[in-house]
């Protein structure tokens, strides 16, 4: 049971990280073309919030998966 949950939780986290890297790649491309200005930066801010949410999830997953003992 532990390893099933382990691979599901770390796999879902990895999928969301890949999505975040792709998202920031697209934002970097659009930014290099001058799509964003000081008056319009909402997509960049939203992507940053998404990335930090993924980061915060890992803060909870790490202790749950690696620091809590599975043996009695």
PDB file of N, CA and C in Angstrom:
ATOM      1  N   UNK A   1       0.820  -1.185   0.000  1.00  0.00           N
ATOM      2  CA  UNK A   1       0.000   0.000   0.000  1.00  0.00           C
ATOM      3  C   UNK A   1       0.875   1.263   0.000  1.00  0.00           C
ATOM      4  N   UNK A   2       1.929   1.251   0.815  1.00  0.00           N
ATOM      5  CA  UNK A   2       2.788   2.431   0.896  1.00  0.00           C
ATOM      6  C   UNK A   2       3.379   2.771  -0.465  1.00  0.00           C
ATOM      7  N   UNK A   3       3.908   1.771  -1.156  1.00  0.00           N
ATOM      8  CA  UNK A   3       4.576   2.060  -2.422  1.00  0.00           C
ATOM      9  C   UNK A   3       3.593   2.476  -3.511  1.00  0.00           C
ATOM     10  N   UNK A   4       2.369   1.986  -3.455  1.00  0.00           N
ATOM     11  CA  UNK A   4       1.345   2.450  -4.396  1.00  0.00           C
ATOM     12  C   UNK A   4       1.086   3.935  -4.184  1.00  0.00           C
ATOM     13  N   UNK A   5       0.881   4.323  -2.937  1.00  0.00           N
ATOM     14  CA  UNK A   5       0.657   5.738  -2.633  1.00  0.00           C
ATOM     15  C   UNK A   5       1.891   6.570  -2.943  1.00  0.00           C
ATOM     16  N   UNK A   6       3.054   6.013  -2.660  1.00  0.00           N
ATOM     17  CA  UNK A   6       4.304   6.718  -2.934  1.00  0.00           C
ATOM     18  C   UNK A   6       4.411   7.078  -4.418  1.00  0.00           C
ATOM     19  N   UNK A   7       4.213   6.099  -5.293  1.00  0.00           N
ATOM     20  CA  UNK A   7       4.363   6.361  -6.719  1.00  0.00           C
ATOM     21  C   UNK A   7       3.246   7.246  -7.258  1.00  0.00           C
ATOM     22  N   UNK A   8       2.048   7.131  -6.723  1.00  0.00           N
ATOM     23  CA  UNK A   8       0.964   8.009  -7.165  1.00  0.00           C
ATOM     24  C   UNK A   8       1.245   9.450  -6.762  1.00  0.00           C
ATOM     25  N   UNK A   9       1.623   9.669  -5.501  1.00  0.00           N
ATOM     26  CA  UNK A   9       1.837  11.039  -5.031  1.00  0.00           C
ATOM     27  C   UNK A   9       3.065  11.681  -5.665  1.00  0.00           C
ATOM     28  N   UNK A  10       4.169  10.959  -5.742  1.00  0.00           N
ATOM     29  CA  UNK A  10       5.353  11.552  -6.364  1.00  0.00           C
ATOM     30  C   UNK A  10       5.164  11.688  -7.872  1.00  0.00           C
ATOM     31  N   UNK A  11       4.431  10.753  -8.476  1.00  0.00           N
ATOM     32  CA  UNK A  11       4.155  10.855  -9.911  1.00  0.00           C
ATOM     33  C   UNK A  11       3.280  12.049 -10.242  1.00  0.00           C
ATOM     34  N   UNK A  12       2.249  12.273  -9.449  1.00  0.00           N
ATOM     35  CA  UNK A  12       1.392  13.442  -9.678  1.00  0.00           C
ATOM     36  C   UNK A  12       2.164  14.741  -9.456  1.00  0.00           C
ATOM     37  N   UNK A  13       3.028  14.742  -8.465  1.00  0.00           N
ATOM     38  CA  UNK A  13       3.850  15.929  -8.230  1.00  0.00           C
ATOM     39  C   UNK A  13       4.778  16.174  -9.430  1.00  0.00           C
ATOM     40  N   UNK A  14       5.367  15.111  -9.955  1.00  0.00           N
ATOM     41  CA  UNK A  14       6.255  15.251 -11.112  1.00  0.00           C
ATOM     42  C   UNK A  14       5.489  15.752 -12.339  1.00  0.00           C
ATOM     43  N   UNK A  15       4.283  15.262 -12.549  1.00  0.00           N
ATOM     44  CA  UNK A  15       3.465  15.731 -13.680  1.00  0.00           C
ATOM     45  C   UNK A  15       3.193  17.225 -13.541  1.00  0.00           C
ATOM     46  N   UNK A  16       2.855  17.663 -12.345  1.00  0.00           N
ATOM     47  CA  UNK A  16       2.589  19.091 -12.146  1.00  0.00           C
ATOM     48  C   UNK A  16       3.858  19.927 -12.292  1.00  0.00           C
ATOM     49  N   UNK A  17       4.998  19.371 -11.919  1.00  0.00           N
ATOM     50  CA  UNK A  17       6.257  20.096 -12.143  1.00  0.00           C
ATOM     51  C   UNK A  17       6.553  20.225 -13.632  1.00  0.00           C
ATOM     52  N   UNK A  18       6.321  19.181 -14.400  1.00  0.00           N
ATOM     53  CA  UNK A  18       6.529  19.232 -15.851  1.00  0.00           C
ATOM     54  C   UNK A  18       5.605  20.259 -16.479  1.00  0.00           C
ATOM     55  N   UNK A  19       4.355  20.301 -16.031  1.00  0.00           N
ATOM     56  CA  UNK A  19       3.420  21.318 -16.519  1.00  0.00           C
ATOM     57  C   UNK A  19       3.948  22.713 -16.198  1.00  0.00           C
ATOM     58  N   UNK A  20       4.462  22.899 -14.974  1.00  0.00           N
ATOM     59  CA  UNK A  20       4.999  24.203 -14.578  1.00  0.00           C
ATOM     60  C   UNK A  20       6.193  24.619 -15.409  1.00  0.00           C
ATOM     61  N   UNK A  21       7.093  23.689 -15.689  1.00  0.00           N
ATOM     62  CA  UNK A  21       8.263  24.008 -16.521  1.00  0.00           C
ATOM     63  C   UNK A  21       7.812  24.378 -17.934  1.00  0.00           C
ATOM     64  N   UNK A  22       6.848  23.650 -18.467  1.00  0.00           N
ATOM     65  CA  UNK A  22       6.311  23.996 -19.791  1.00  0.00           C
ATOM     66  C   UNK A  22       5.645  25.355 -19.789  1.00  0.00           C
ATOM     67  N   UNK A  23       4.895  25.630 -18.736  1.00  0.00           N
ATOM     68  CA  UNK A  23       4.217  26.918 -18.609  1.00  0.00           C
ATOM     69  C   UNK A  23       5.219  28.067 -18.575  1.00  0.00           C
ATOM     70  N   UNK A  24       6.275  27.905 -17.774  1.00  0.00           N
ATOM     71  CA  UNK A  24       7.278  28.963 -17.700  1.00  0.00           C
ATOM     72  C   UNK A  24       8.075  29.081 -18.992  1.00  0.00           C
ATOM     73  N   UNK A  25       8.231  28.000 -19.724  1.00  0.00           N
ATOM     74  CA  UNK A  25       8.896  28.083 -21.033  1.00  0.00           C
ATOM     75  C   UNK A  25       8.073  28.918 -21.998  1.00  0.00           C
ATOM     76  N   UNK A  26       6.774  28.691 -22.017  1.00  0.00           N
ATOM     77  CA  UNK A  26       5.885  29.482 -22.886  1.00  0.00           C
ATOM     78  C   UNK A  26       5.888  30.942 -22.449  1.00  0.00           C
ATOM     79  N   UNK A  27       5.830  31.174 -21.138  1.00  0.00           N
ATOM     80  CA  UNK A  27       5.852  32.559 -20.653  1.00  0.00           C
ATOM     81  C   UNK A  27       7.165  33.255 -20.997  1.00  0.00           C
ATOM     82  N   UNK A  28       8.274  32.544 -20.923  1.00  0.00           N
ATOM     83  CA  UNK A  28       9.565  33.138 -21.274  1.00  0.00           C
ATOM     84  C   UNK A  28       9.605  33.484 -22.756  1.00  0.00           C
ATOM     85  N   UNK A  29       9.053  32.610 -23.582  1.00  0.00           N
ATOM     86  CA  UNK A  29       9.012  32.886 -25.026  1.00  0.00           C
ATOM     87  C   UNK A  29       8.152  34.111 -25.320  1.00  0.00           C
ATOM     88  N   UNK A  30       6.972  34.160 -24.717  1.00  0.00           N
ATOM     89  CA  UNK A  30       6.098  35.316 -24.926  1.00  0.00           C
ATOM     90  C   UNK A  30       6.720  36.590 -24.366  1.00  0.00           C
ATOM     91  N   UNK A  31       7.400  36.473 -23.248  1.00  0.00           N
ATOM     92  CA  UNK A  31       8.043  37.641 -22.648  1.00  0.00           C
ATOM     93  C   UNK A  31       9.164  38.169 -23.537  1.00  0.00           C
ATOM     94  N   UNK A  32       9.910  37.261 -24.164  1.00  0.00           N
ATOM     95  CA  UNK A  32      10.996  37.703 -25.044  1.00  0.00           C
ATOM     96  C   UNK A  32      10.466  38.419 -26.283  1.00  0.00           C
ATOM     97  N   UNK A  33       9.212  38.163 -26.627  1.00  0.00           N
ATOM     98  CA  UNK A  33       8.581  38.835 -27.771  1.00  0.00           C
ATOM     99  C   UNK A  33       7.864  40.119 -27.364  1.00  0.00           C
ATOM    100  N   UNK A  34       7.973  40.483 -26.080  1.00  0.00           N
ATOM    101  CA  UNK A  34       7.388  41.742 -25.613  1.00  0.00           C
ATOM    102  C   UNK A  34       5.898  41.676 -25.347  1.00  0.00           C
ATOM    103  N   UNK A  35       5.387  40.484 -25.071  1.00  0.00           N
ATOM    104  CA  UNK A  35       3.939  40.319 -24.852  1.00  0.00           C
ATOM    105  C   UNK A  35       3.483  40.929 -23.528  1.00  0.00           C
ATOM    106  N   UNK A  36       4.371  40.970 -22.543  1.00  0.00           N
ATOM    107  CA  UNK A  36       4.000  41.465 -21.214  1.00  0.00           C
ATOM    108  C   UNK A  36       4.615  42.836 -20.970  1.00  0.00           C
ATOM    109  N   UNK A  37       3.886  43.654 -20.248  1.00  0.00           N
ATOM    110  CA  UNK A  37       4.331  45.007 -19.911  1.00  0.00           C
ATOM    111  C   UNK A  37       4.159  45.197 -18.407  1.00  0.00           C
ATOM    112  N   UNK A  38       4.672  46.300 -17.864  1.00  0.00           N
ATOM    113  CA  UNK A  38       4.432  46.566 -16.445  1.00  0.00           C
ATOM    114  C   UNK A  38       2.943  46.697 -16.100  1.00  0.00           C
ATOM    115  N   UNK A  39       2.114  47.006 -17.083  1.00  0.00           N
ATOM    116  CA  UNK A  39       0.680  47.117 -16.843  1.00  0.00           C
ATOM    117  C   UNK A  39      -0.038  45.777 -17.001  1.00  0.00           C
ATOM    118  N   UNK A  40       0.581  44.799 -17.710  1.00  0.00           N
ATOM    119  CA  UNK A  40      -0.052  43.493 -17.939  1.00  0.00           C
ATOM    120  C   UNK A  40       0.947  42.380 -17.668  1.00  0.00           C
ATOM    121  N   UNK A  41       0.863  41.821 -16.484  1.00  0.00           N
ATOM    122  CA  UNK A  41       1.762  40.738 -16.090  1.00  0.00           C
ATOM    123  C   UNK A  41       1.010  39.631 -15.352  1.00  0.00           C
ATOM    124  N   UNK A  42      -0.313  39.627 -15.430  1.00  0.00           N
ATOM    125  CA  UNK A  42      -1.136  38.675 -14.691  1.00  0.00           C
ATOM    126  C   UNK A  42      -0.787  37.214 -14.983  1.00  0.00           C
ATOM    127  N   UNK A  43      -0.555  36.811 -16.238  1.00  0.00           N
ATOM    128  CA  UNK A  43      -0.199  35.404 -16.467  1.00  0.00           C
ATOM    129  C   UNK A  43       1.096  34.988 -15.765  1.00  0.00           C
ATOM    130  N   UNK A  44       2.054  35.883 -15.690  1.00  0.00           N
ATOM    131  CA  UNK A  44       3.303  35.561 -15.007  1.00  0.00           C
ATOM    132  C   UNK A  44       3.059  35.413 -13.510  1.00  0.00           C
ATOM    133  N   UNK A  45       2.258  36.294 -12.945  1.00  0.00           N
ATOM    134  CA  UNK A  45       1.943  36.203 -11.524  1.00  0.00           C
ATOM    135  C   UNK A  45       1.165  34.925 -11.215  1.00  0.00           C
ATOM    136  N   UNK A  46       0.204  34.568 -12.071  1.00  0.00           N
ATOM    137  CA  UNK A  46      -0.566  33.340 -11.860  1.00  0.00           C
ATOM    138  C   UNK A  46       0.314  32.102 -11.979  1.00  0.00           C
ATOM    139  N   UNK A  47       1.241  32.105 -12.915  1.00  0.00           N
ATOM    140  CA  UNK A  47       2.166  30.976 -13.059  1.00  0.00           C
ATOM    141  C   UNK A  47       3.052  30.857 -11.822  1.00  0.00           C
ATOM    142  N   UNK A  48       3.463  31.977 -11.267  1.00  0.00           N
ATOM    143  CA  UNK A  48       4.255  31.958 -10.039  1.00  0.00           C
ATOM    144  C   UNK A  48       3.459  31.386  -8.871  1.00  0.00           C
ATOM    145  N   UNK A  49       2.184  31.732  -8.784  1.00  0.00           N
ATOM    146  CA  UNK A  49       1.338  31.168  -7.735  1.00  0.00           C
ATOM    147  C   UNK A  49       1.179  29.661  -7.909  1.00  0.00           C
ATOM    148  N   UNK A  50       1.011  29.220  -9.155  1.00  0.00           N
ATOM    149  CA  UNK A  50       0.913  27.787  -9.446  1.00  0.00           C
ATOM    150  C   UNK A  50       2.195  27.076  -9.020  1.00  0.00           C
ATOM    151  N   UNK A  51       3.345  27.629  -9.387  1.00  0.00           N
ATOM    152  CA  UNK A  51       4.615  26.998  -9.071  1.00  0.00           C
ATOM    153  C   UNK A  51       4.824  26.902  -7.558  1.00  0.00           C
ATOM    154  N   UNK A  52       4.457  27.950  -6.837  1.00  0.00           N
ATOM    155  CA  UNK A  52       4.636  27.922  -5.388  1.00  0.00           C
ATOM    156  C   UNK A  52       3.643  26.970  -4.724  1.00  0.00           C
ATOM    157  N   UNK A  53       2.465  26.786  -5.320  1.00  0.00           N
ATOM    158  CA  UNK A  53       1.544  25.780  -4.793  1.00  0.00           C
ATOM    159  C   UNK A  53       2.149  24.387  -4.933  1.00  0.00           C
ATOM    160  N   UNK A  54       2.746  24.099  -6.099  1.00  0.00           N
ATOM    161  CA  UNK A  54       3.405  22.809  -6.301  1.00  0.00           C
ATOM    162  C   UNK A  54       4.543  22.652  -5.289  1.00  0.00           C
ATOM    163  N   UNK A  55       5.256  23.718  -5.027  1.00  0.00           N
ATOM    164  CA  UNK A  55       6.343  23.702  -4.056  1.00  0.00           C
ATOM    165  C   UNK A  55       5.828  23.412  -2.647  1.00  0.00           C
ATOM    166  N   UNK A  56       4.745  24.046  -2.262  1.00  0.00           N
ATOM    167  CA  UNK A  56       4.176  23.838  -0.927  1.00  0.00           C
ATOM    168  C   UNK A  56       3.667  22.409  -0.776  1.00  0.00           C
ATOM    169  N   UNK A  57       3.108  21.842  -1.828  1.00  0.00           N
ATOM    170  CA  UNK A  57       2.659  20.454  -1.761  1.00  0.00           C
ATOM    171  C   UNK A  57       3.843  19.544  -1.458  1.00  0.00           C
ATOM    172  N   UNK A  58       5.004  19.825  -2.065  1.00  0.00           N
ATOM    173  CA  UNK A  58       6.174  18.993  -1.800  1.00  0.00           C
ATOM    174  C   UNK A  58       6.632  19.108  -0.346  1.00  0.00           C
ATOM    175  N   UNK A  59       6.437  20.267   0.259  1.00  0.00           N
ATOM    176  CA  UNK A  59       6.808  20.444   1.664  1.00  0.00           C
ATOM    177  C   UNK A  59       6.017  19.474   2.548  1.00  0.00           C
ATOM    178  N   UNK A  60       4.793  19.151   2.161  1.00  0.00           N
ATOM    179  CA  UNK A  60       4.001  18.186   2.913  1.00  0.00           C
ATOM    180  C   UNK A  60       4.297  16.750   2.491  1.00  0.00           C
ATOM    181  N   UNK A  61       4.579  16.531   1.220  1.00  0.00           N
ATOM    182  CA  UNK A  61       4.851  15.171   0.747  1.00  0.00           C
ATOM    183  C   UNK A  61       6.180  14.637   1.270  1.00  0.00           C
ATOM    184  N   UNK A  62       7.187  15.473   1.315  1.00  0.00           N
ATOM    185  CA  UNK A  62       8.506  14.996   1.736  1.00  0.00           C
ATOM    186  C   UNK A  62       8.487  14.376   3.132  1.00  0.00           C
ATOM    187  N   UNK A  63       7.981  15.080   4.154  1.00  0.00           N
ATOM    188  CA  UNK A  63       7.955  14.440   5.474  1.00  0.00           C
ATOM    189  C   UNK A  63       7.041  13.212   5.506  1.00  0.00           C
ATOM    190  N   UNK A  64       5.926  13.293   4.806  1.00  0.00           N
ATOM    191  CA  UNK A  64       4.989  12.176   4.806  1.00  0.00           C
ATOM    192  C   UNK A  64       5.615  10.924   4.210  1.00  0.00           C
ATOM    193  N   UNK A  65       6.398  11.081   3.150  1.00  0.00           N
ATOM    194  CA  UNK A  65       6.937   9.918   2.444  1.00  0.00           C
ATOM    195  C   UNK A  65       8.312   9.494   2.938  1.00  0.00           C
ATOM    196  N   UNK A  66       9.117  10.426   3.406  1.00  0.00           N
ATOM    197  CA  UNK A  66      10.506  10.099   3.707  1.00  0.00           C
ATOM    198  C   UNK A  66      10.880  10.165   5.178  1.00  0.00           C
ATOM    199  N   UNK A  67      10.195  10.960   5.963  1.00  0.00           N
ATOM    200  CA  UNK A  67      10.621  11.165   7.339  1.00  0.00           C
ATOM    201  C   UNK A  67       9.805  10.381   8.357  1.00  0.00           C
ATOM    202  N   UNK A  68       8.568  10.041   8.020  1.00  0.00           N
ATOM    203  CA  UNK A  68       7.728   9.288   8.949  1.00  0.00           C
ATOM    204  C   UNK A  68       8.038   7.806   8.776  1.00  0.00           C
ATOM    205  N   UNK A  69       8.309   7.137   9.870  1.00  0.00           N
ATOM    206  CA  UNK A  69       8.661   5.722   9.832  1.00  0.00           C
ATOM    207  C   UNK A  69       7.459   4.876   9.439  1.00  0.00           C
ATOM    208  N   UNK A  70       7.714   3.860   8.616  1.00  0.00           N
ATOM    209  CA  UNK A  70       6.651   2.951   8.201  1.00  0.00           C
ATOM    210  C   UNK A  70       6.593   1.720   9.111  1.00  0.00           C
ATOM    211  N   UNK A  71       7.555   1.562   9.993  1.00  0.00           N
ATOM    212  CA  UNK A  71       7.625   0.366  10.831  1.00  0.00           C
ATOM    213  C   UNK A  71       7.204   0.690  12.248  1.00  0.00           C
ATOM    214  N   UNK A  72       6.582  -0.269  12.885  1.00  0.00           N
ATOM    215  CA  UNK A  72       6.129  -0.061  14.270  1.00  0.00           C
ATOM    216  C   UNK A  72       7.183  -0.490  15.242  1.00  0.00           C
TER     217      UNK A  72
END
